[in-house]
Amino acid sequence: MKNKEIKITLGTGNKYKVFEINTIVKSLGYDEILFTPVPNGFNPIEDGMTFEENSYIKASEGAILSQNICLADDSGLC
């Protein structure tokens, strides 16, 4: 079966995140994911009370701006 290409917008300004996520994906035996950068204007206000809420805020704004599936995380300064 031929692998299908998946394109996902990554809701972060951290360019290392792409490498980090693809390292995990490959270690699980999958092909790497092709991430598209968030469009200009991506500057979500992370005013959630939890990491989960901030992740949702970033993913939602990234999806709206890119018109694509968007993945985001938030680990604060931990």
Protein backbone atom coordinates (compact mmCIF):
# COMPACT_ATOMS: atom_id res chain seq x y z
CA MET A 1 0.00 0.00 0.00
CA LYS A 2 1.36 3.40 -0.95
CA ASN A 3 1.79 5.92 1.86
CA LYS A 4 -0.37 8.99 1.67
CA GLU A 5 1.10 12.39 2.34
CA ILE A 6 -0.31 14.27 5.31
CA LYS A 7 0.08 18.03 5.60
CA ILE A 8 -0.48 19.62 8.97
CA THR A 9 0.09 23.19 10.06
CA LEU A 10 2.16 23.38 13.22
CA GLY A 11 0.94 26.14 15.54
CA THR A 12 4.27 27.29 16.89
CA GLY A 13 7.12 29.63 16.15
CA ASN A 14 9.55 27.00 17.43
CA LYS A 15 11.25 25.52 14.35
CA TYR A 16 12.73 22.70 16.48
CA LYS A 17 9.19 21.36 17.10
CA VAL A 18 9.02 19.89 13.58
CA PHE A 19 12.19 17.88 14.21
CA GLU A 20 11.01 16.86 17.67
CA ILE A 21 7.61 15.61 16.48
CA ASN A 22 9.02 13.80 13.45
CA THR A 23 11.58 12.05 15.66
CA ILE A 24 8.70 10.65 17.72
CA VAL A 25 6.64 9.75 14.63
CA LYS A 26 9.57 7.90 13.00
CA SER A 27 10.36 6.02 16.23
CA LEU A 28 6.82 4.61 16.03
CA GLY A 29 7.47 3.31 12.51
CA TYR A 30 5.60 5.97 10.55
CA ASP A 31 6.79 8.26 7.78
CA GLU A 32 7.56 11.79 8.81
CA ILE A 33 4.78 14.35 8.70
CA LEU A 34 5.04 17.28 6.31
CA PHE A 35 4.35 20.38 8.37
CA THR A 36 3.45 23.69 6.81
CA PRO A 37 4.41 26.87 8.65
CA VAL A 38 1.78 29.02 10.30
CA PRO A 39 0.91 32.02 8.13
CA ASN A 40 2.02 35.54 8.93
CA GLY A 41 -0.17 37.10 11.56
CA PHE A 42 -0.06 34.07 13.85
CA ASN A 43 0.15 35.63 17.29
CA PRO A 44 -2.40 33.98 19.59
CA ILE A 45 -3.03 35.41 23.03
CA GLU A 46 -2.31 32.51 25.34
CA ASP A 47 -4.59 33.50 28.19
CA GLY A 48 -5.89 30.03 29.05
CA MET A 49 -5.74 28.74 32.60
CA THR A 50 -4.15 25.41 31.59
CA PHE A 51 -1.67 24.07 29.05
CA GLU A 52 -4.60 22.36 27.33
CA GLU A 53 -6.52 25.63 26.94
CA ASN A 54 -3.47 27.41 25.52
CA SER A 55 -2.88 24.56 23.08
CA TYR A 56 -6.48 24.86 21.91
CA ILE A 57 -6.12 28.63 21.46
CA LYS A 58 -2.99 28.20 19.31
CA ALA A 59 -4.39 25.30 17.27
CA SER A 60 -7.66 27.16 16.61
CA GLU A 61 -5.94 30.34 15.44
CA GLY A 62 -3.49 28.36 13.32
CA ALA A 63 -6.33 26.42 11.67
CA ILE A 64 -8.28 29.58 10.90
CA LEU A 65 -5.28 31.37 9.42
CA SER A 66 -4.00 28.40 7.42
CA GLN A 67 -7.35 26.83 6.47
CA ASN A 68 -5.69 23.52 7.35
CA ILE A 69 -5.48 21.03 10.20
CA CYS A 70 -3.33 22.59 12.90
CA LEU A 71 -1.44 20.92 15.72
CA ALA A 72 -0.26 22.90 18.75
CA ASP A 73 1.07 22.22 22.21
CA ASP A 74 1.90 24.25 25.26
CA SER A 75 4.30 23.25 27.96
CA GLY A 76 4.85 26.67 29.43
CA LEU A 77 8.25 27.27 30.90
CA CYS A 78 8.41 23.88 32.58
